Amino acid sequence: MKKFLKVFVIIILIIIVLAVITFFVLKNKYEQSLTAVNSEANSQTVIVEISQGMSTSEIADLLQENQVIKNATMFKVYIKLNNVGNFQAGKYEFENGIDDVSSVCQKLVKGDVYDESVTITFVEGKTIEDYADVIAENTNNTADEVLELVNSEEYIDSLIEKYWFITDEVKNEEIYYSLEGYILPDTYTFENEDVTVEEIFNVIFNYMDNYLSEYQDEIEESGYTVHELLSLASVVEQEGKTDEARQGIAGVFINRLNSGMSLGSDVTTYYAFGLDMATEELTTRQLNTENPYNTRGPNMEGKLPVGPICSPSRSAIYAVLNPENTDCYYFVADKNGDVYFSKTYAEHQSTIEELKSQDLWYEY
């Protein structure tokens, strides 16, 4: 009997030892299953979409398949032990070298969904070609696709039909890009990188519509069409850097137009010939070449360029609607961007000579 009891005790002890070992093995396996899939150094971003109505088991399997968690079964055990539930549907972003099971559950419970939105900033004073590159850099569209759409007659016609401020003036065959100047510089947010070019422009033109509608009365009283105002504002944008300077420049340009003089703006010549103002100097031949954009060229007396040369800022648009009441007909900017106004050509030339003597004249 004693021998039997001894054997029985030994067996019980062995069972207990095995049970303890098994417990710690399972405990270690469980705890290891809750850690991040990868090391932080090898972390990968994983995007997973949890559909509406998915069960916990389906979610666990999906997370394991996408290497967000190590073990679906242990994930479900964790949920049970910690009374975790009410996972929210949506698209989630995980870092599988950082997000452990606890972090994954927190995101799913909070509904901390992945933000796929794309923010695009259109800087004032830039051209449609510049904006095409910006769109290409931030979305799954190419610059060529942007330029193809803005040159589509069918698309332009649809815009003319939809928006009061876009008219047949943009269809002038001498205009390089019909929608040049019609993109209001600002920062716009879109759902994701798959946004189409047309969807981008819909947002922009709706915004432009709201903005220009605030000035509709002033526009009608100005005697200029929206296209003409944007054309003038685009030149003012390039010529002046401050609100005050722009209003003064707008006043000078309107005086020149009303007097039958040409605007005589170099920036229009740069646009006409596709030159970079920062690195290239205009030639006499270019300045004297007739071109519907070149206000330094022949037969441009009392005329605006055929269309905008860039997208003007709100400041430039405001300036042409509220120009300074001035008796000046000339202006010049120094290399620091400061603008000097003159009533006569003689005063204008004197100012230029003075700027040169003070080493304030812009040199390429």
Foldseek 3Di string as FASTA:
>chain_A
DVVVVVVVVVVVVVVVVVVVVVVVVVVVVLVVQQAFQAALVPWDKFKDFFDPPDDLLRVLVRCCVRRRTPHSVSLVVVCVVVVQDDFDGEMAIGTRNHDGSVNVSVCRNVVVHDQQKWKFFDDFLAWLLVVLPSLVVTAVDHSVQLQVQQPDPVNLVVVCVVAVQRHCLLVPPQDPGSCFQVFAGDMDMDRHRHDDSVNVVVVRNVVSRVVCVVCVVLCVVLPDGSFQLSQQLSLLQVQADDLQSSLALLQLQVVQLVVQAFSLGVVLLCLQVVHDPVPDDDDPCSLADDGLSRSSYPPRGSHGRSGHSHHGHPSSSVSNSRHDNDQFNDWDAWPVRDIDTDNDVVVVVVVQVVCVVVVRHDDD
